Amino acid sequence: MKKYFFLLGAAAVMAFAASCNQNNGTTTEAAAANDSTIVAGSIVYFNMDKVMEGYDMANDLNSVFETKTSGIQAEIDRRGKKLEKDANDFQNKVDKGLLTTSVAQAQYQKLQEQQQSYQQYAMRKQQEMAEEQQVMMNQIANAIAEYVQQFNEERQYAMIIATGGSILSTPVVTADARLDITDELLEGLNAEYIKTKDAAKK
């Protein structure tokens, strides 16, 4: 279990790429070349990579997840080293002729059971962490999607597109930088997260 869980999980958040349709159905062209204001009806975008890096909720959840993952990985490593030591001790005794055939067979069988138990434990914990990581990414995606809807109630953009990553995976290859709402969206997301945390403390 390593930090790459979170990095891989970010791709799942990209999938929501929420489009927010204007209630009155009217559309206008993007802001005029001599006007830096994004008007209602525009198609705008935000950089998901930048949001994931700067979103306090994502960073807090990831920090908790990494701490838990590190603890579990340390326990997996500890059990693995103990199993390896027991196996080496057993082999050393066999090589020196310190065990009878019946005792050696019994200890070998015990080692086999310990190895199987260890493998099952490691697999179970890895699956649990993978599931927990997916739940975490779903929480982040849901929070972003809900805020984007709230964010667009006032601005009434025709569509909000999430972009980021490689050119092969992003829906936006090139765009007018004036249509980038990443910073504004990220500021609002963090403000909303702070309010949520404060409310939870009461």
N, C-alpha and C. Protein backbone atom coordinates (compact mmCIF):
# COMPACT_ATOMS: atom_id res chain seq x y z
N MET A 1 0.85 -1.18 0.00
CA MET A 1 0.00 0.00 0.00
C MET A 1 0.88 1.23 0.00
N LYS A 2 0.73 2.06 -0.99
CA LYS A 2 1.60 3.21 -1.08
C LYS A 2 0.83 4.43 -1.49
N LYS A 3 1.56 5.54 -1.55
CA LYS A 3 0.94 6.82 -1.84
C LYS A 3 0.31 6.86 -3.21
N TYR A 4 0.71 5.94 -4.12
CA TYR A 4 0.17 5.97 -5.47
C TYR A 4 -1.32 5.72 -5.49
N PHE A 5 -1.90 5.15 -4.41
CA PHE A 5 -3.35 4.95 -4.34
C PHE A 5 -4.07 6.26 -4.60
N PHE A 6 -3.61 7.29 -3.89
CA PHE A 6 -4.30 8.57 -4.02
C PHE A 6 -4.12 9.16 -5.41
N LEU A 7 -2.94 9.03 -5.96
CA LEU A 7 -2.69 9.59 -7.29
C LEU A 7 -3.51 8.88 -8.35
N LEU A 8 -3.60 7.54 -8.22
CA LEU A 8 -4.42 6.80 -9.17
C LEU A 8 -5.89 7.13 -9.00
N GLY A 9 -6.28 7.31 -7.71
CA GLY A 9 -7.68 7.60 -7.45
C GLY A 9 -8.12 8.92 -8.04
N ALA A 10 -7.22 9.89 -8.27
CA ALA A 10 -7.59 11.19 -8.82
C ALA A 10 -8.23 11.05 -10.20
N ALA A 11 -7.84 10.01 -10.93
CA ALA A 11 -8.43 9.80 -12.25
C ALA A 11 -9.92 9.51 -12.15
N ALA A 12 -10.32 8.87 -11.03
CA ALA A 12 -11.75 8.57 -10.86
C ALA A 12 -12.56 9.84 -10.67
N VAL A 13 -11.97 10.84 -10.01
CA VAL A 13 -12.67 12.10 -9.80
C VAL A 13 -12.91 12.81 -11.12
N MET A 14 -11.97 12.66 -12.05
CA MET A 14 -12.11 13.30 -13.36
C MET A 14 -13.38 12.84 -14.06
N ALA A 15 -13.83 11.63 -13.74
CA ALA A 15 -14.95 11.05 -14.47
C ALA A 15 -16.24 11.83 -14.30
N PHE A 16 -16.38 12.56 -13.17
CA PHE A 16 -17.65 13.24 -12.97
C PHE A 16 -17.81 14.43 -13.90
N ALA A 17 -16.72 15.14 -14.26
CA ALA A 17 -16.70 16.22 -15.26
C ALA A 17 -18.08 16.84 -15.46
N ALA A 18 -18.61 17.39 -14.41
CA ALA A 18 -20.02 17.82 -14.41
C ALA A 18 -20.28 18.95 -15.39
N SER A 19 -21.33 18.78 -16.17
CA SER A 19 -21.80 19.87 -17.01
C SER A 19 -23.04 20.45 -16.38
N CYS A 20 -23.08 21.78 -16.24
CA CYS A 20 -24.18 22.43 -15.55
C CYS A 20 -24.97 23.23 -16.56
N ASN A 21 -26.17 22.78 -16.93
CA ASN A 21 -26.96 23.44 -17.95
C ASN A 21 -27.69 24.64 -17.37
N GLN A 22 -27.81 25.69 -18.18
CA GLN A 22 -28.51 26.89 -17.78
C GLN A 22 -30.00 26.62 -17.75
N ASN A 23 -30.68 27.13 -16.73
CA ASN A 23 -32.11 26.84 -16.57
C ASN A 23 -32.95 27.38 -17.71
N ASN A 24 -32.62 28.57 -18.23
CA ASN A 24 -33.46 29.14 -19.27
C ASN A 24 -33.12 28.65 -20.66
N GLY A 25 -32.08 27.82 -20.77
CA GLY A 25 -31.75 27.19 -22.04
C GLY A 25 -31.08 28.09 -23.04
N THR A 26 -30.88 29.37 -22.75
CA THR A 26 -30.25 30.27 -23.70
C THR A 26 -28.76 30.15 -23.59
N THR A 27 -28.05 30.38 -24.69
CA THR A 27 -26.60 30.34 -24.69
C THR A 27 -26.05 31.56 -25.40
N THR A 28 -24.91 31.98 -25.00
CA THR A 28 -24.22 33.08 -25.67
C THR A 28 -22.83 32.62 -25.97
N GLU A 29 -22.11 33.37 -26.80
CA GLU A 29 -20.73 33.03 -27.07
C GLU A 29 -19.90 33.36 -25.85
N ALA A 30 -18.69 32.81 -25.78
CA ALA A 30 -17.79 33.09 -24.66
C ALA A 30 -17.48 34.57 -24.67
N ALA A 31 -16.87 35.02 -23.58
CA ALA A 31 -16.60 36.45 -23.44
C ALA A 31 -15.91 37.00 -24.67
N ALA A 32 -16.26 38.22 -25.05
CA ALA A 32 -15.66 38.86 -26.23
C ALA A 32 -14.17 39.06 -25.99
N ALA A 33 -13.45 39.18 -27.10
CA ALA A 33 -12.00 39.26 -27.01
C ALA A 33 -11.54 40.44 -26.18
N ASN A 34 -12.29 41.52 -26.17
CA ASN A 34 -11.87 42.71 -25.43
C ASN A 34 -12.53 42.78 -24.06
N ASP A 35 -13.14 41.66 -23.60
CA ASP A 35 -13.85 41.65 -22.33
C ASP A 35 -13.38 40.45 -21.53
N SER A 36 -12.79 40.67 -20.35
CA SER A 36 -12.26 39.57 -19.55
C SER A 36 -13.31 38.95 -18.65
N THR A 37 -14.53 39.50 -18.63
CA THR A 37 -15.60 38.96 -17.79
C THR A 37 -16.26 37.78 -18.47
N ILE A 38 -16.45 36.69 -17.72
CA ILE A 38 -17.14 35.52 -18.27
C ILE A 38 -18.63 35.74 -18.09
N VAL A 39 -19.37 35.76 -19.17
CA VAL A 39 -20.81 36.04 -19.09
C VAL A 39 -21.60 34.76 -18.91
N ALA A 40 -22.83 34.90 -18.43
CA ALA A 40 -23.72 33.76 -18.31
C ALA A 40 -23.91 33.12 -19.67
N GLY A 41 -24.00 31.81 -19.69
CA GLY A 41 -24.15 31.10 -20.95
C GLY A 41 -22.84 30.64 -21.54
N SER A 42 -21.72 31.06 -20.95
CA SER A 42 -20.41 30.65 -21.46
C SER A 42 -20.11 29.21 -21.10
N ILE A 43 -19.22 28.60 -21.83
CA ILE A 43 -18.67 27.30 -21.47
C ILE A 43 -17.33 27.56 -20.81
N VAL A 44 -17.18 27.15 -19.57
CA VAL A 44 -15.96 27.40 -18.82
C VAL A 44 -15.35 26.08 -18.36
N TYR A 45 -14.18 26.15 -17.79
CA TYR A 45 -13.50 24.93 -17.36
C TYR A 45 -12.68 25.19 -16.12
N PHE A 46 -12.32 24.10 -15.43
CA PHE A 46 -11.39 24.21 -14.31
C PHE A 46 -10.42 23.03 -14.37
N ASN A 47 -9.24 23.23 -13.83
CA ASN A 47 -8.19 22.22 -13.86
C ASN A 47 -8.32 21.31 -12.64
N MET A 48 -8.72 20.06 -12.88
CA MET A 48 -8.96 19.13 -11.79
C MET A 48 -7.67 18.83 -11.01
N ASP A 49 -6.54 18.74 -11.70
CA ASP A 49 -5.28 18.47 -11.02
C ASP A 49 -4.99 19.56 -9.99
N LYS A 50 -5.18 20.81 -10.39
CA LYS A 50 -4.92 21.94 -9.50
C LYS A 50 -5.90 21.95 -8.33
N VAL A 51 -7.14 21.61 -8.61
CA VAL A 51 -8.15 21.55 -7.55
C VAL A 51 -7.78 20.46 -6.55
N MET A 52 -7.39 19.29 -7.02
CA MET A 52 -7.03 18.19 -6.13
C MET A 52 -5.82 18.54 -5.28
N GLU A 53 -4.89 19.30 -5.83
CA GLU A 53 -3.69 19.69 -5.09
C GLU A 53 -4.00 20.74 -4.03
N GLY A 54 -4.94 21.62 -4.33
CA GLY A 54 -5.20 22.73 -3.43
C GLY A 54 -6.44 22.61 -2.58
N TYR A 55 -7.23 21.56 -2.77
CA TYR A 55 -8.48 21.39 -2.02
C TYR A 55 -8.17 20.84 -0.64
N ASP A 56 -8.50 21.60 0.39
CA ASP A 56 -8.16 21.22 1.76
C ASP A 56 -8.80 19.90 2.16
N MET A 57 -10.03 19.66 1.71
CA MET A 57 -10.70 18.41 2.05
C MET A 57 -9.93 17.22 1.49
N ALA A 58 -9.50 17.34 0.24
CA ALA A 58 -8.74 16.25 -0.38
C ALA A 58 -7.43 16.02 0.35
N ASN A 59 -6.77 17.10 0.74
CA ASN A 59 -5.49 16.97 1.44
C ASN A 59 -5.67 16.38 2.84
N ASP A 60 -6.73 16.79 3.53
CA ASP A 60 -6.97 16.26 4.88
C ASP A 60 -7.29 14.76 4.83
N LEU A 61 -8.19 14.38 3.91
CA LEU A 61 -8.56 12.98 3.80
C LEU A 61 -7.36 12.13 3.36
N ASN A 62 -6.57 12.67 2.45
CA ASN A 62 -5.40 11.93 1.98
C ASN A 62 -4.38 11.75 3.09
N SER A 63 -4.23 12.77 3.94
CA SER A 63 -3.29 12.67 5.06
C SER A 63 -3.70 11.57 6.02
N VAL A 64 -5.00 11.51 6.33
CA VAL A 64 -5.51 10.46 7.22
C VAL A 64 -5.33 9.09 6.58
N PHE A 65 -5.63 9.01 5.29
CA PHE A 65 -5.52 7.74 4.58
C PHE A 65 -4.07 7.26 4.54
N GLU A 66 -3.13 8.15 4.27
CA GLU A 66 -1.72 7.77 4.20
C GLU A 66 -1.19 7.31 5.56
N THR A 67 -1.64 7.98 6.62
CA THR A 67 -1.22 7.57 7.97
C THR A 67 -1.71 6.16 8.28
N LYS A 68 -2.97 5.91 7.97
CA LYS A 68 -3.54 4.58 8.21
C LYS A 68 -2.85 3.54 7.34
N THR A 69 -2.61 3.88 6.08
CA THR A 69 -1.95 2.95 5.17
C THR A 69 -0.54 2.61 5.63
N SER A 70 0.17 3.63 6.12
CA SER A 70 1.54 3.41 6.59
C SER A 70 1.55 2.45 7.78
N GLY A 71 0.56 2.61 8.68
CA GLY A 71 0.49 1.72 9.83
C GLY A 71 0.21 0.29 9.43
N ILE A 72 -0.70 0.11 8.49
CA ILE A 72 -1.04 -1.24 8.03
C ILE A 72 0.14 -1.86 7.29
N GLN A 73 0.81 -1.07 6.46
CA GLN A 73 1.96 -1.59 5.73
C GLN A 73 3.08 -1.99 6.68
N ALA A 74 3.25 -1.21 7.76
CA ALA A 74 4.27 -1.53 8.75
C ALA A 74 3.96 -2.87 9.42
N GLU A 75 2.67 -3.12 9.70
CA GLU A 75 2.28 -4.39 10.32
C GLU A 75 2.47 -5.56 9.34
N ILE A 76 2.16 -5.32 8.07
CA ILE A 76 2.38 -6.36 7.06
C ILE A 76 3.87 -6.70 6.97
N ASP A 77 4.70 -5.66 6.98
CA ASP A 77 6.16 -5.87 6.91
C ASP A 77 6.66 -6.60 8.15
N ARG A 78 6.13 -6.23 9.32
CA ARG A 78 6.57 -6.88 10.57
C ARG A 78 6.25 -8.37 10.54
N ARG A 79 5.04 -8.70 10.11
CA ARG A 79 4.65 -10.11 10.05
C ARG A 79 5.47 -10.87 9.01
N GLY A 80 5.75 -10.20 7.90
CA GLY A 80 6.54 -10.83 6.86
C GLY A 80 7.95 -11.13 7.31
N LYS A 81 8.56 -10.19 8.05
CA LYS A 81 9.92 -10.39 8.54
C LYS A 81 9.97 -11.51 9.59
N LYS A 82 8.93 -11.57 10.43
CA LYS A 82 8.89 -12.64 11.44
C LYS A 82 8.77 -14.01 10.77
N LEU A 83 7.94 -14.09 9.74
CA LEU A 83 7.78 -15.33 9.00
C LEU A 83 9.09 -15.73 8.34
N GLU A 84 9.76 -14.75 7.78
CA GLU A 84 11.05 -15.03 7.13
C GLU A 84 12.08 -15.51 8.14
N LYS A 85 12.10 -14.90 9.33
CA LYS A 85 13.04 -15.31 10.38
C LYS A 85 12.74 -16.74 10.84
N ASP A 86 11.45 -17.04 11.03
CA ASP A 86 11.07 -18.39 11.46
C ASP A 86 11.48 -19.42 10.40
N ALA A 87 11.32 -19.08 9.14
CA ALA A 87 11.68 -20.00 8.06
C ALA A 87 13.20 -20.21 8.02
N ASN A 88 13.95 -19.14 8.22
CA ASN A 88 15.42 -19.26 8.22
C ASN A 88 15.91 -20.08 9.41
N ASP A 89 15.28 -19.87 10.57
CA ASP A 89 15.66 -20.63 11.76
C ASP A 89 15.37 -22.12 11.55
N PHE A 90 14.24 -22.40 10.96
CA PHE A 90 13.87 -23.79 10.70
C PHE A 90 14.87 -24.44 9.75
N GLN A 91 15.20 -23.73 8.66
CA GLN A 91 16.13 -24.28 7.67
C GLN A 91 17.51 -24.49 8.28
N ASN A 92 17.92 -23.58 9.15
CA ASN A 92 19.23 -23.70 9.79
C ASN A 92 19.28 -24.95 10.68
N LYS A 93 18.20 -25.22 11.39
CA LYS A 93 18.15 -26.41 12.26
C LYS A 93 18.16 -27.70 11.43
N VAL A 94 17.42 -27.64 10.29
CA VAL A 94 17.39 -28.82 9.42
C VAL A 94 18.78 -29.08 8.85
N ASP A 95 19.44 -28.02 8.41
CA ASP A 95 20.78 -28.18 7.82
C ASP A 95 21.79 -28.74 8.83
N LYS A 96 21.61 -28.40 10.09
CA LYS A 96 22.54 -28.85 11.13
C LYS A 96 22.11 -30.20 11.73
N GLY A 97 20.99 -30.73 11.27
CA GLY A 97 20.52 -32.02 11.77
C GLY A 97 20.03 -31.97 13.19
N LEU A 98 19.45 -30.83 13.59
CA LEU A 98 19.01 -30.65 14.96
C LEU A 98 17.56 -31.07 15.19
N LEU A 99 16.88 -31.53 14.13
CA LEU A 99 15.48 -31.91 14.25
C LEU A 99 15.27 -33.33 13.73
N THR A 100 14.41 -34.04 14.42
CA THR A 100 14.05 -35.37 13.91
C THR A 100 13.13 -35.17 12.71
N THR A 101 12.96 -36.23 11.94
CA THR A 101 12.13 -36.13 10.74
C THR A 101 10.70 -35.73 11.09
N SER A 102 10.16 -36.34 12.13
CA SER A 102 8.77 -36.05 12.51
C SER A 102 8.61 -34.61 12.99
N VAL A 103 9.57 -34.11 13.77
CA VAL A 103 9.51 -32.73 14.26
C VAL A 103 9.68 -31.76 13.10
N ALA A 104 10.61 -32.07 12.20
CA ALA A 104 10.84 -31.21 11.05
C ALA A 104 9.58 -31.12 10.19
N GLN A 105 8.92 -32.24 9.98
CA GLN A 105 7.70 -32.24 9.19
C GLN A 105 6.60 -31.41 9.85
N ALA A 106 6.49 -31.52 11.17
CA ALA A 106 5.47 -30.77 11.91
C ALA A 106 5.74 -29.26 11.84
N GLN A 107 7.01 -28.90 12.01
CA GLN A 107 7.36 -27.48 11.96
C GLN A 107 7.22 -26.92 10.55
N TYR A 108 7.54 -27.75 9.56
CA TYR A 108 7.38 -27.31 8.17
C TYR A 108 5.91 -27.06 7.86
N GLN A 109 5.04 -27.96 8.34
CA GLN A 109 3.61 -27.79 8.13
C GLN A 109 3.11 -26.51 8.80
N LYS A 110 3.63 -26.25 9.99
CA LYS A 110 3.24 -25.04 10.71
C LYS A 110 3.68 -23.78 9.96
N LEU A 111 4.88 -23.82 9.40
CA LEU A 111 5.37 -22.69 8.62
C LEU A 111 4.50 -22.45 7.38
N GLN A 112 4.07 -23.52 6.74
CA GLN A 112 3.20 -23.41 5.58
C GLN A 112 1.88 -22.73 5.96
N GLU A 113 1.34 -23.11 7.11
CA GLU A 113 0.09 -22.50 7.57
C GLU A 113 0.30 -21.02 7.91
N GLN A 114 1.45 -20.70 8.52
CA GLN A 114 1.74 -19.32 8.85
C GLN A 114 1.88 -18.47 7.59
N GLN A 115 2.52 -19.04 6.58
CA GLN A 115 2.69 -18.31 5.32
C GLN A 115 1.34 -18.04 4.65
N GLN A 116 0.49 -19.05 4.66
CA GLN A 116 -0.84 -18.89 4.06
C GLN A 116 -1.64 -17.83 4.81
N SER A 117 -1.56 -17.87 6.14
CA SER A 117 -2.26 -16.89 6.97
C SER A 117 -1.75 -15.48 6.70
N TYR A 118 -0.43 -15.37 6.56
CA TYR A 118 0.17 -14.06 6.28
C TYR A 118 -0.29 -13.52 4.93
N GLN A 119 -0.30 -14.35 3.92
CA GLN A 119 -0.72 -13.93 2.59
C GLN A 119 -2.18 -13.48 2.58
N GLN A 120 -3.02 -14.22 3.31
CA GLN A 120 -4.43 -13.86 3.39
C GLN A 120 -4.62 -12.53 4.12
N TYR A 121 -3.83 -12.34 5.17
CA TYR A 121 -3.91 -11.09 5.93
C TYR A 121 -3.50 -9.90 5.05
N ALA A 122 -2.37 -10.05 4.36
CA ALA A 122 -1.87 -8.96 3.52
C ALA A 122 -2.86 -8.63 2.41
N MET A 123 -3.43 -9.65 1.79
CA MET A 123 -4.40 -9.42 0.71
C MET A 123 -5.66 -8.74 1.25
N ARG A 124 -6.12 -9.18 2.41
CA ARG A 124 -7.33 -8.61 3.00
C ARG A 124 -7.13 -7.13 3.33
N LYS A 125 -6.00 -6.81 3.91
CA LYS A 125 -5.72 -5.43 4.27
C LYS A 125 -5.56 -4.55 3.04
N GLN A 126 -4.94 -5.07 2.00
CA GLN A 126 -4.79 -4.30 0.77
C GLN A 126 -6.14 -4.04 0.12
N GLN A 127 -7.01 -5.01 0.16
CA GLN A 127 -8.36 -4.83 -0.38
C GLN A 127 -9.14 -3.81 0.43
N GLU A 128 -8.99 -3.86 1.75
CA GLU A 128 -9.67 -2.90 2.61
C GLU A 128 -9.19 -1.48 2.32
N MET A 129 -7.89 -1.31 2.12
CA MET A 129 -7.35 0.01 1.84
C MET A 129 -7.78 0.51 0.47
N ALA A 130 -7.85 -0.40 -0.48
CA ALA A 130 -8.30 -0.02 -1.82
C ALA A 130 -9.75 0.45 -1.78
N GLU A 131 -10.57 -0.26 -1.01
CA GLU A 131 -11.98 0.12 -0.87
C GLU A 131 -12.11 1.46 -0.15
N GLU A 132 -11.33 1.63 0.90
CA GLU A 132 -11.38 2.89 1.65
C GLU A 132 -10.90 4.05 0.80
N GLN A 133 -9.89 3.80 -0.03
CA GLN A 133 -9.40 4.85 -0.93
C GLN A 133 -10.47 5.24 -1.94
N GLN A 134 -11.21 4.26 -2.43
CA GLN A 134 -12.27 4.55 -3.40
C GLN A 134 -13.38 5.36 -2.76
N VAL A 135 -13.74 5.00 -1.52
CA VAL A 135 -14.76 5.77 -0.80
C VAL A 135 -14.30 7.20 -0.60
N MET A 136 -13.03 7.38 -0.25
CA MET A 136 -12.48 8.71 -0.06
C MET A 136 -12.58 9.53 -1.34
N MET A 137 -12.22 8.93 -2.47
CA MET A 137 -12.28 9.66 -3.74
C MET A 137 -13.72 9.98 -4.11
N ASN A 138 -14.65 9.08 -3.78
CA ASN A 138 -16.06 9.35 -4.04
C ASN A 138 -16.56 10.53 -3.20
N GLN A 139 -16.10 10.61 -1.95
CA GLN A 139 -16.47 11.72 -1.09
C GLN A 139 -15.98 13.05 -1.67
N ILE A 140 -14.75 13.05 -2.15
CA ILE A 140 -14.18 14.27 -2.72
C ILE A 140 -14.92 14.66 -4.00
N ALA A 141 -15.16 13.66 -4.86
CA ALA A 141 -15.86 13.92 -6.12
C ALA A 141 -17.25 14.46 -5.86
N ASN A 142 -17.94 13.87 -4.87
CA ASN A 142 -19.30 14.31 -4.55
C ASN A 142 -19.31 15.74 -4.02
N ALA A 143 -18.33 16.07 -3.17
CA ALA A 143 -18.25 17.42 -2.62
C ALA A 143 -18.00 18.44 -3.72
N ILE A 144 -17.11 18.10 -4.66
CA ILE A 144 -16.81 19.01 -5.77
C ILE A 144 -18.03 19.17 -6.67
N ALA A 145 -18.68 18.05 -6.99
CA ALA A 145 -19.84 18.10 -7.88
C ALA A 145 -20.97 18.93 -7.27
N GLU A 146 -21.21 18.74 -5.97
CA GLU A 146 -22.27 19.50 -5.31
C GLU A 146 -21.95 20.98 -5.28
N TYR A 147 -20.67 21.31 -5.02
CA TYR A 147 -20.31 22.73 -4.97
C TYR A 147 -20.38 23.36 -6.36
N VAL A 148 -20.00 22.61 -7.40
CA VAL A 148 -20.07 23.14 -8.76
C VAL A 148 -21.52 23.49 -9.10
N GLN A 149 -22.45 22.65 -8.71
CA GLN A 149 -23.86 22.95 -8.94
C GLN A 149 -24.27 24.23 -8.21
N GLN A 150 -23.87 24.33 -6.95
CA GLN A 150 -24.18 25.51 -6.15
C GLN A 150 -23.50 26.75 -6.74
N PHE A 151 -22.26 26.59 -7.13
CA PHE A 151 -21.46 27.66 -7.72
C PHE A 151 -22.13 28.22 -8.98
N ASN A 152 -22.74 27.31 -9.75
CA ASN A 152 -23.30 27.73 -11.04
C ASN A 152 -24.73 28.27 -10.94
N GLU A 153 -25.36 28.12 -9.79
CA GLU A 153 -26.70 28.67 -9.64
C GLU A 153 -26.71 30.18 -9.84
N GLU A 154 -25.64 30.83 -9.38
CA GLU A 154 -25.55 32.28 -9.53
C GLU A 154 -24.96 32.68 -10.88
N ARG A 155 -23.97 31.94 -11.34
CA ARG A 155 -23.26 32.35 -12.55
C ARG A 155 -23.95 31.92 -13.84
N GLN A 156 -24.68 30.81 -13.78
CA GLN A 156 -25.48 30.37 -14.93
C GLN A 156 -24.64 30.14 -16.19
N TYR A 157 -23.52 29.44 -16.04
CA TYR A 157 -22.75 29.05 -17.21
C TYR A 157 -23.47 27.93 -17.93
N ALA A 158 -23.30 27.87 -19.23
CA ALA A 158 -23.95 26.81 -20.01
C ALA A 158 -23.34 25.46 -19.69
N MET A 159 -22.04 25.43 -19.42
CA MET A 159 -21.36 24.17 -19.12
C MET A 159 -20.08 24.45 -18.35
N ILE A 160 -19.79 23.59 -17.39
CA ILE A 160 -18.53 23.65 -16.65
C ILE A 160 -17.82 22.32 -16.88
N ILE A 161 -16.63 22.39 -17.44
CA ILE A 161 -15.88 21.19 -17.81
C ILE A 161 -14.68 21.03 -16.89
N ALA A 162 -14.45 19.80 -16.43
CA ALA A 162 -13.26 19.50 -15.65
C ALA A 162 -12.17 19.03 -16.60
N THR A 163 -11.01 19.61 -16.48
CA THR A 163 -9.90 19.24 -17.35
C THR A 163 -8.65 18.99 -16.52
N GLY A 164 -7.63 18.47 -17.14
CA GLY A 164 -6.38 18.19 -16.44
C GLY A 164 -5.79 16.88 -16.91
N GLY A 165 -4.58 16.60 -16.51
CA GLY A 165 -3.93 15.36 -16.92
C GLY A 165 -3.35 15.47 -18.32
N SER A 166 -3.18 14.33 -18.96
CA SER A 166 -2.56 14.30 -20.28
C SER A 166 -3.53 14.73 -21.36
N ILE A 167 -3.01 15.08 -22.52
CA ILE A 167 -3.83 15.52 -23.64
C ILE A 167 -4.74 14.41 -24.13
N LEU A 168 -4.41 13.15 -23.81
CA LEU A 168 -5.23 12.03 -24.26
C LEU A 168 -6.46 11.83 -23.38
N SER A 169 -6.42 12.37 -22.16
CA SER A 169 -7.53 12.13 -21.24
C SER A 169 -8.36 13.37 -20.95
N THR A 170 -7.89 14.54 -21.35
CA THR A 170 -8.61 15.77 -21.04
C THR A 170 -9.58 16.14 -22.15
N PRO A 171 -10.78 16.65 -21.77
CA PRO A 171 -11.73 17.09 -22.79
C PRO A 171 -11.38 18.44 -23.38
N VAL A 172 -10.42 19.15 -22.80
CA VAL A 172 -10.02 20.46 -23.30
C VAL A 172 -8.56 20.41 -23.72
N VAL A 173 -8.31 20.57 -24.99
CA VAL A 173 -6.94 20.58 -25.49
C VAL A 173 -6.36 21.99 -25.40
N THR A 174 -7.15 22.99 -25.79
CA THR A 174 -6.72 24.38 -25.67
C THR A 174 -7.94 25.24 -25.43
N ALA A 175 -7.77 26.34 -24.71
CA ALA A 175 -8.91 27.21 -24.40
C ALA A 175 -8.39 28.57 -23.98
N ASP A 176 -9.26 29.57 -24.08
CA ASP A 176 -8.95 30.92 -23.63
C ASP A 176 -8.78 30.89 -22.12
N ALA A 177 -7.65 31.35 -21.64
CA ALA A 177 -7.36 31.33 -20.20
C ALA A 177 -8.39 32.11 -19.40
N ARG A 178 -9.08 33.06 -20.04
CA ARG A 178 -10.10 33.83 -19.34
C ARG A 178 -11.31 32.98 -18.96
N LEU A 179 -11.44 31.82 -19.57
CA LEU A 179 -12.55 30.92 -19.26
C LEU A 179 -12.21 29.93 -18.16
N ASP A 180 -10.99 30.05 -17.62
CA ASP A 180 -10.52 29.16 -16.55
C ASP A 180 -11.02 29.68 -15.21
N ILE A 181 -11.88 28.92 -14.55
CA ILE A 181 -12.45 29.34 -13.26
C ILE A 181 -11.83 28.57 -12.09
N THR A 182 -10.68 27.94 -12.33
CA THR A 182 -10.07 27.07 -11.31
C THR A 182 -9.85 27.79 -9.99
N ASP A 183 -9.20 28.94 -10.03
CA ASP A 183 -8.86 29.64 -8.78
C ASP A 183 -10.10 30.05 -8.01
N GLU A 184 -11.10 30.57 -8.72
CA GLU A 184 -12.34 30.99 -8.08
C GLU A 184 -13.06 29.79 -7.47
N LEU A 185 -13.09 28.69 -8.21
CA LEU A 185 -13.76 27.49 -7.74
C LEU A 185 -13.05 26.91 -6.52
N LEU A 186 -11.73 26.87 -6.58
CA LEU A 186 -10.95 26.32 -5.47
C LEU A 186 -11.11 27.16 -4.21
N GLU A 187 -11.13 28.46 -4.36
CA GLU A 187 -11.34 29.34 -3.21
C GLU A 187 -12.69 29.07 -2.56
N GLY A 188 -13.71 28.90 -3.39
CA GLY A 188 -15.04 28.61 -2.86
C GLY A 188 -15.13 27.24 -2.22
N LEU A 189 -14.48 26.25 -2.81
CA LEU A 189 -14.48 24.90 -2.25
C LEU A 189 -13.87 24.89 -0.85
N ASN A 190 -12.73 25.56 -0.70
CA ASN A 190 -12.06 25.58 0.59
C ASN A 190 -12.87 26.35 1.63
N ALA A 191 -13.52 27.42 1.21
CA ALA A 191 -14.37 28.19 2.13
C ALA A 191 -15.55 27.33 2.59
N GLU A 192 -16.13 26.58 1.66
CA GLU A 192 -17.25 25.70 1.99
C GLU A 192 -16.80 24.58 2.92
N TYR A 193 -15.61 24.06 2.70
CA TYR A 193 -15.07 22.99 3.54
C TYR A 193 -14.83 23.48 4.96
N ILE A 194 -14.33 24.70 5.09
CA ILE A 194 -14.10 25.28 6.42
C ILE A 194 -15.42 25.42 7.17
N LYS A 195 -16.46 25.87 6.48
CA LYS A 195 -17.77 25.99 7.11
C LYS A 195 -18.28 24.63 7.57
N THR A 196 -18.06 23.60 6.75
CA THR A 196 -18.50 22.26 7.09
C THR A 196 -17.77 21.73 8.33
N LYS A 197 -16.46 21.98 8.40
CA LYS A 197 -15.68 21.53 9.55
C LYS A 197 -16.11 22.27 10.81
N ASP A 198 -16.34 23.57 10.69
CA ASP A 198 -16.77 24.36 11.85
C ASP A 198 -18.12 23.88 12.36
N ALA A 199 -19.02 23.56 11.43
CA ALA A 199 -20.36 23.09 11.82
C ALA A 199 -20.27 21.75 12.53
N ALA A 200 -19.32 20.90 12.10
CA ALA A 200 -19.16 19.57 12.70
C ALA A 200 -18.64 19.66 14.13
N LYS A 201 -17.94 20.73 14.45
CA LYS A 201 -17.38 20.90 15.79
C LYS A 201 -18.43 21.33 16.81
N LYS A 202 -19.53 21.90 16.33
CA LYS A 202 -20.54 22.43 17.23
C LYS A 202 -21.43 21.32 17.79
